[in-house]
Amino acid sequence: MRKFSFILFTLILFIFSGCTRKITGDEKTAEDFVKSKGYKITARKGQIEKYVLEKSKLYGGTETIPYRQCWGVQTVEPDDYFGKEITVYGFTVKNHPMLKQDKNAKSGVNIYIMMTDNKIIGGYSYPNANVDGAYSSLDGKTLEEVTGLSFKQWQDNWKKKYGN
């Protein structure tokens, strides 16, 4: 009976260790960055998106809204990354400032880390819920808090810079 229990235990151990995905490279760099910010990761979403940043992604129809939102809450200018491949990795965290500010964040907050050339260039956050709204900065600040502008002022500036 002991031999059977040992074999069963070993088999279960192999199954569970084989199901755990080991992350490496940029995804590991992104995860380490999230942890360095003090966030407790509850889920890894892996690579969410990969795209080449072009000016046309930043202004136009409704398909540009997610790019405007995520780039609007960055501390870097998107211009510096035109023509570069941007990879976005996602994580769900449980100890984010948005948990106190947003009732939609009861199930945690998703953090998205943007990388290019093996370097982190920024990121954004959003409640881990199926709700409508705009992205916030990595630490949960709104576009207005990040830029110091009203949405209308920011939108007018954005259109002048990326609209044509």
C-alpha atoms as a PDB file:
ATOM      1  CA  MET A   1       0.000   0.000   0.000  1.00  0.00           C
ATOM      2  CA  ARG A   2       2.857   2.406   0.780  1.00  0.00           C
ATOM      3  CA  LYS A   3       4.438   1.692  -2.583  1.00  0.00           C
ATOM      4  CA  PHE A   4       1.128   2.433  -4.350  1.00  0.00           C
ATOM      5  CA  SER A   5       0.708   5.692  -2.376  1.00  0.00           C
ATOM      6  CA  PHE A   6       4.245   6.752  -3.272  1.00  0.00           C
ATOM      7  CA  ILE A   7       3.684   6.017  -6.967  1.00  0.00           C
ATOM      8  CA  LEU A   8       0.361   7.878  -6.937  1.00  0.00           C
ATOM      9  CA  PHE A   9       1.899  10.871  -5.154  1.00  0.00           C
ATOM     10  CA  THR A  10       4.820  10.949  -7.610  1.00  0.00           C
ATOM     11  CA  LEU A  11       2.481  10.714 -10.587  1.00  0.00           C
ATOM     12  CA  ILE A  12       0.355  13.594  -9.307  1.00  0.00           C
ATOM     13  CA  LEU A  13       3.480  15.657  -8.653  1.00  0.00           C
ATOM     14  CA  PHE A  14       4.678  15.108 -12.234  1.00  0.00           C
ATOM     15  CA  ILE A  15       1.293  16.045 -13.651  1.00  0.00           C
ATOM     16  CA  PHE A  16       1.084  19.312 -11.729  1.00  0.00           C
ATOM     17  CA  SER A  17       4.685  20.310 -12.307  1.00  0.00           C
ATOM     18  CA  GLY A  18       4.291  19.612 -16.007  1.00  0.00           C
ATOM     19  CA  CYS A  19       1.228  21.882 -16.198  1.00  0.00           C
ATOM     20  CA  THR A  20       3.011  24.880 -14.749  1.00  0.00           C
ATOM     21  CA  ARG A  21       4.240  27.070 -17.568  1.00  0.00           C
ATOM     22  CA  LYS A  22       7.720  28.444 -17.007  1.00  0.00           C
ATOM     23  CA  ILE A  23       8.041  32.001 -18.226  1.00  0.00           C
ATOM     24  CA  THR A  24      11.237  33.413 -19.673  1.00  0.00           C
ATOM     25  CA  GLY A  25      12.535  36.337 -21.694  1.00  0.00           C
ATOM     26  CA  ASP A  26      10.449  39.479 -22.005  1.00  0.00           C
ATOM     27  CA  GLU A  27       7.505  37.971 -20.160  1.00  0.00           C
ATOM     28  CA  LYS A  28       9.764  37.238 -17.169  1.00  0.00           C
ATOM     29  CA  THR A  29      11.143  40.775 -17.356  1.00  0.00           C
ATOM     30  CA  ALA A  30       7.575  42.124 -17.348  1.00  0.00           C
ATOM     31  CA  GLU A  31       6.608  39.912 -14.399  1.00  0.00           C
ATOM     32  CA  ASP A  32       9.667  40.987 -12.411  1.00  0.00           C
ATOM     33  CA  PHE A  33       8.792  44.620 -13.122  1.00  0.00           C
ATOM     34  CA  VAL A  34       5.221  44.144 -11.841  1.00  0.00           C
ATOM     35  CA  LYS A  35       6.583  42.498  -8.679  1.00  0.00           C
ATOM     36  CA  SER A  36       9.144  45.301  -8.231  1.00  0.00           C
ATOM     37  CA  LYS A  37       6.222  47.740  -8.075  1.00  0.00           C
ATOM     38  CA  GLY A  38       4.953  45.797  -5.051  1.00  0.00           C
ATOM     39  CA  TYR A  39       2.023  44.094  -6.764  1.00  0.00           C
ATOM     40  CA  LYS A  40       0.977  40.551  -5.888  1.00  0.00           C
ATOM     41  CA  ILE A  41       0.302  38.652  -9.106  1.00  0.00           C
ATOM     42  CA  THR A  42      -2.699  36.341  -8.966  1.00  0.00           C
ATOM     43  CA  ALA A  43      -2.784  35.417 -12.668  1.00  0.00           C
ATOM     44  CA  ARG A  44      -0.596  35.649 -15.746  1.00  0.00           C
ATOM     45  CA  LYS A  45      -2.345  36.418 -19.007  1.00  0.00           C
ATOM     46  CA  GLY A  46       0.743  35.989 -21.184  1.00  0.00           C
ATOM     47  CA  GLN A  47       1.301  37.970 -24.344  1.00  0.00           C
ATOM     48  CA  ILE A  48      -1.821  40.035 -24.961  1.00  0.00           C
ATOM     49  CA  GLU A  49      -0.846  41.840 -28.109  1.00  0.00           C
ATOM     50  CA  LYS A  50       2.005  42.541 -30.487  1.00  0.00           C
ATOM     51  CA  TYR A  51       1.899  45.418 -32.961  1.00  0.00           C
ATOM     52  CA  VAL A  52       4.103  47.873 -34.812  1.00  0.00           C
ATOM     53  CA  LEU A  53       3.356  51.376 -33.584  1.00  0.00           C
ATOM     54  CA  GLU A  54       2.409  53.704 -36.409  1.00  0.00           C
ATOM     55  CA  LYS A  55       0.998  57.220 -36.195  1.00  0.00           C
ATOM     56  CA  SER A  56      -2.190  55.911 -37.835  1.00  0.00           C
ATOM     57  CA  LYS A  57      -2.878  53.756 -34.741  1.00  0.00           C
ATOM     58  CA  LEU A  58      -3.125  56.859 -32.545  1.00  0.00           C
ATOM     59  CA  TYR A  59      -5.941  58.764 -34.218  1.00  0.00           C
ATOM     60  CA  GLY A  60      -8.859  57.850 -36.431  1.00  0.00           C
ATOM     61  CA  GLY A  61     -11.807  55.516 -36.119  1.00  0.00           C
ATOM     62  CA  THR A  62     -12.957  53.467 -33.154  1.00  0.00           C
ATOM     63  CA  GLU A  63     -10.179  50.909 -33.737  1.00  0.00           C
ATOM     64  CA  THR A  64      -7.667  53.514 -32.530  1.00  0.00           C
ATOM     65  CA  ILE A  65      -9.385  54.141 -29.175  1.00  0.00           C
ATOM     66  CA  PRO A  66      -7.508  51.443 -27.205  1.00  0.00           C
ATOM     67  CA  TYR A  67      -4.162  52.756 -28.488  1.00  0.00           C
ATOM     68  CA  ARG A  68      -5.070  56.363 -27.682  1.00  0.00           C
ATOM     69  CA  GLN A  69      -6.145  55.313 -24.200  1.00  0.00           C
ATOM     70  CA  CYS A  70      -3.069  53.264 -23.366  1.00  0.00           C
ATOM     71  CA  TRP A  71      -0.594  55.754 -24.842  1.00  0.00           C
ATOM     72  CA  GLY A  72      -2.411  58.690 -23.235  1.00  0.00           C
ATOM     73  CA  VAL A  73      -1.521  57.496 -19.716  1.00  0.00           C
ATOM     74  CA  GLN A  74       2.190  56.964 -20.408  1.00  0.00           C
ATOM     75  CA  THR A  75       5.033  59.168 -19.243  1.00  0.00           C
ATOM     76  CA  VAL A  76       6.841  58.595 -22.558  1.00  0.00           C
ATOM     77  CA  GLU A  77       5.853  59.979 -25.942  1.00  0.00           C
ATOM     78  CA  PRO A  78       4.643  57.448 -28.499  1.00  0.00           C
ATOM     79  CA  ASP A  79       6.638  59.273 -31.211  1.00  0.00           C
ATOM     80  CA  ASP A  80       9.840  57.720 -29.855  1.00  0.00           C
ATOM     81  CA  TYR A  81       8.467  54.262 -30.694  1.00  0.00           C
ATOM     82  CA  PHE A  82       7.076  54.746 -34.213  1.00  0.00           C
ATOM     83  CA  GLY A  83       8.091  51.817 -36.403  1.00  0.00           C
ATOM     84  CA  LYS A  84       8.937  49.643 -33.397  1.00  0.00           C
ATOM     85  CA  GLU A  85       7.261  46.419 -32.429  1.00  0.00           C
ATOM     86  CA  ILE A  86       5.393  46.778 -29.142  1.00  0.00           C
ATOM     87  CA  THR A  87       4.612  43.646 -27.132  1.00  0.00           C
ATOM     88  CA  VAL A  88       2.087  43.770 -24.301  1.00  0.00           C
ATOM     89  CA  TYR A  89       2.024  41.256 -21.423  1.00  0.00           C
ATOM     90  CA  GLY A  90      -0.875  41.019 -18.987  1.00  0.00           C
ATOM     91  CA  PHE A  91      -1.138  40.154 -15.307  1.00  0.00           C
ATOM     92  CA  THR A  92      -3.908  40.271 -12.721  1.00  0.00           C
ATOM     93  CA  VAL A  93      -2.928  41.702  -9.350  1.00  0.00           C
ATOM     94  CA  LYS A  94      -4.797  41.958  -6.080  1.00  0.00           C
ATOM     95  CA  ASN A  95      -3.152  44.854  -4.237  1.00  0.00           C
ATOM     96  CA  HIS A  96      -3.585  47.767  -6.639  1.00  0.00           C
ATOM     97  CA  PRO A  97      -4.716  51.330  -5.722  1.00  0.00           C
ATOM     98  CA  MET A  98      -7.641  50.954  -8.147  1.00  0.00           C
ATOM     99  CA  LEU A  99      -9.208  48.397  -5.784  1.00  0.00           C
ATOM    100  CA  LYS A 100     -10.049  51.257  -3.408  1.00  0.00           C
ATOM    101  CA  GLN A 101     -11.147  53.653  -6.150  1.00  0.00           C
ATOM    102  CA  ASP A 102     -13.187  51.532  -8.548  1.00  0.00           C
ATOM    103  CA  LYS A 103     -16.083  49.296  -7.530  1.00  0.00           C
ATOM    104  CA  ASN A 104     -15.557  47.337 -10.775  1.00  0.00           C
ATOM    105  CA  ALA A 105     -12.158  46.139  -9.552  1.00  0.00           C
ATOM    106  CA  LYS A 106     -13.538  43.676  -6.964  1.00  0.00           C
ATOM    107  CA  SER A 107     -11.968  40.743  -8.831  1.00  0.00           C
ATOM    108  CA  GLY A 108      -8.571  42.408  -9.029  1.00  0.00           C
ATOM    109  CA  VAL A 109      -6.883  44.707 -11.499  1.00  0.00           C
ATOM    110  CA  ASN A 110      -5.286  43.799 -14.797  1.00  0.00           C
ATOM    111  CA  ILE A 111      -1.901  45.338 -15.432  1.00  0.00           C
ATOM    112  CA  TYR A 112      -0.520  45.486 -18.954  1.00  0.00           C
ATOM    113  CA  ILE A 113       3.212  45.955 -19.497  1.00  0.00           C
ATOM    114  CA  MET A 114       4.415  47.417 -22.800  1.00  0.00           C
ATOM    115  CA  MET A 115       7.839  46.386 -24.085  1.00  0.00           C
ATOM    116  CA  THR A 116      10.034  46.967 -27.097  1.00  0.00           C
ATOM    117  CA  ASP A 117      13.605  45.907 -27.806  1.00  0.00           C
ATOM    118  CA  ASN A 118      13.605  43.835 -24.588  1.00  0.00           C
ATOM    119  CA  LYS A 119      12.885  46.949 -22.500  1.00  0.00           C
ATOM    120  CA  ILE A 120       9.831  48.058 -20.555  1.00  0.00           C
ATOM    121  CA  ILE A 121       8.509  51.333 -21.925  1.00  0.00           C
ATOM    122  CA  GLY A 122       5.328  51.664 -19.888  1.00  0.00           C
ATOM    123  CA  GLY A 123       2.041  50.096 -19.033  1.00  0.00           C
ATOM    124  CA  TYR A 124      -1.524  50.633 -18.008  1.00  0.00           C
ATOM    125  CA  SER A 125      -4.212  49.127 -15.793  1.00  0.00           C
ATOM    126  CA  TYR A 126      -7.906  48.254 -15.965  1.00  0.00           C
ATOM    127  CA  PRO A 127     -10.363  46.468 -13.659  1.00  0.00           C
ATOM    128  CA  ASN A 128     -10.486  42.686 -14.055  1.00  0.00           C
ATOM    129  CA  ALA A 129     -14.122  42.898 -15.144  1.00  0.00           C
ATOM    130  CA  ASN A 130     -16.173  43.112 -18.296  1.00  0.00           C
ATOM    131  CA  VAL A 131     -16.941  46.838 -18.070  1.00  0.00           C
ATOM    132  CA  ASP A 132     -16.620  49.872 -20.311  1.00  0.00           C
ATOM    133  CA  GLY A 133     -14.192  52.635 -19.485  1.00  0.00           C
ATOM    134  CA  ALA A 134     -10.758  54.026 -20.106  1.00  0.00           C
ATOM    135  CA  TYR A 135      -7.372  52.650 -19.155  1.00  0.00           C
ATOM    136  CA  SER A 136      -5.535  54.071 -16.171  1.00  0.00           C
ATOM    137  CA  SER A 137      -1.800  54.393 -15.629  1.00  0.00           C
ATOM    138  CA  LEU A 138       0.108  51.505 -14.063  1.00  0.00           C
ATOM    139  CA  ASP A 139      -0.573  52.942 -10.623  1.00  0.00           C
ATOM    140  CA  GLY A 140      -4.261  53.657 -11.318  1.00  0.00           C
ATOM    141  CA  LYS A 141      -4.130  57.343 -12.248  1.00  0.00           C
ATOM    142  CA  THR A 142      -6.576  58.721 -14.787  1.00  0.00           C
ATOM    143  CA  LEU A 143      -5.526  60.430 -18.001  1.00  0.00           C
ATOM    144  CA  GLU A 144      -6.335  63.774 -16.377  1.00  0.00           C
ATOM    145  CA  GLU A 145      -4.143  62.982 -13.361  1.00  0.00           C
ATOM    146  CA  VAL A 146      -1.238  61.807 -15.543  1.00  0.00           C
ATOM    147  CA  THR A 147      -1.333  64.720 -18.015  1.00  0.00           C
ATOM    148  CA  GLY A 148      -2.629  67.536 -15.804  1.00  0.00           C
ATOM    149  CA  LEU A 149      -5.107  68.387 -18.586  1.00  0.00           C
ATOM    150  CA  SER A 150      -8.861  68.040 -18.895  1.00  0.00           C
ATOM    151  CA  PHE A 151      -9.953  65.301 -21.282  1.00  0.00           C
ATOM    152  CA  LYS A 152     -11.048  67.964 -23.807  1.00  0.00           C
ATOM    153  CA  GLN A 153      -7.654  69.721 -23.646  1.00  0.00           C
ATOM    154  CA  TRP A 154      -5.810  66.430 -23.992  1.00  0.00           C
ATOM    155  CA  GLN A 155      -8.049  65.340 -26.889  1.00  0.00           C
ATOM    156  CA  ASP A 156      -7.498  68.627 -28.758  1.00  0.00           C
ATOM    157  CA  ASN A 157      -3.699  68.361 -28.289  1.00  0.00           C
ATOM    158  CA  TRP A 158      -3.739  64.689 -29.333  1.00  0.00           C
ATOM    159  CA  LYS A 159      -5.722  65.480 -32.492  1.00  0.00           C
ATOM    160  CA  LYS A 160      -3.305  68.277 -33.468  1.00  0.00           C
ATOM    161  CA  LYS A 161      -0.325  66.009 -32.979  1.00  0.00           C
ATOM    162  CA  TYR A 162      -1.595  62.701 -34.399  1.00  0.00           C
ATOM    163  CA  GLY A 163      -4.735  63.603 -36.359  1.00  0.00           C
ATOM    164  CA  ASN A 164      -3.205  64.277 -39.756  1.00  0.00           C
END
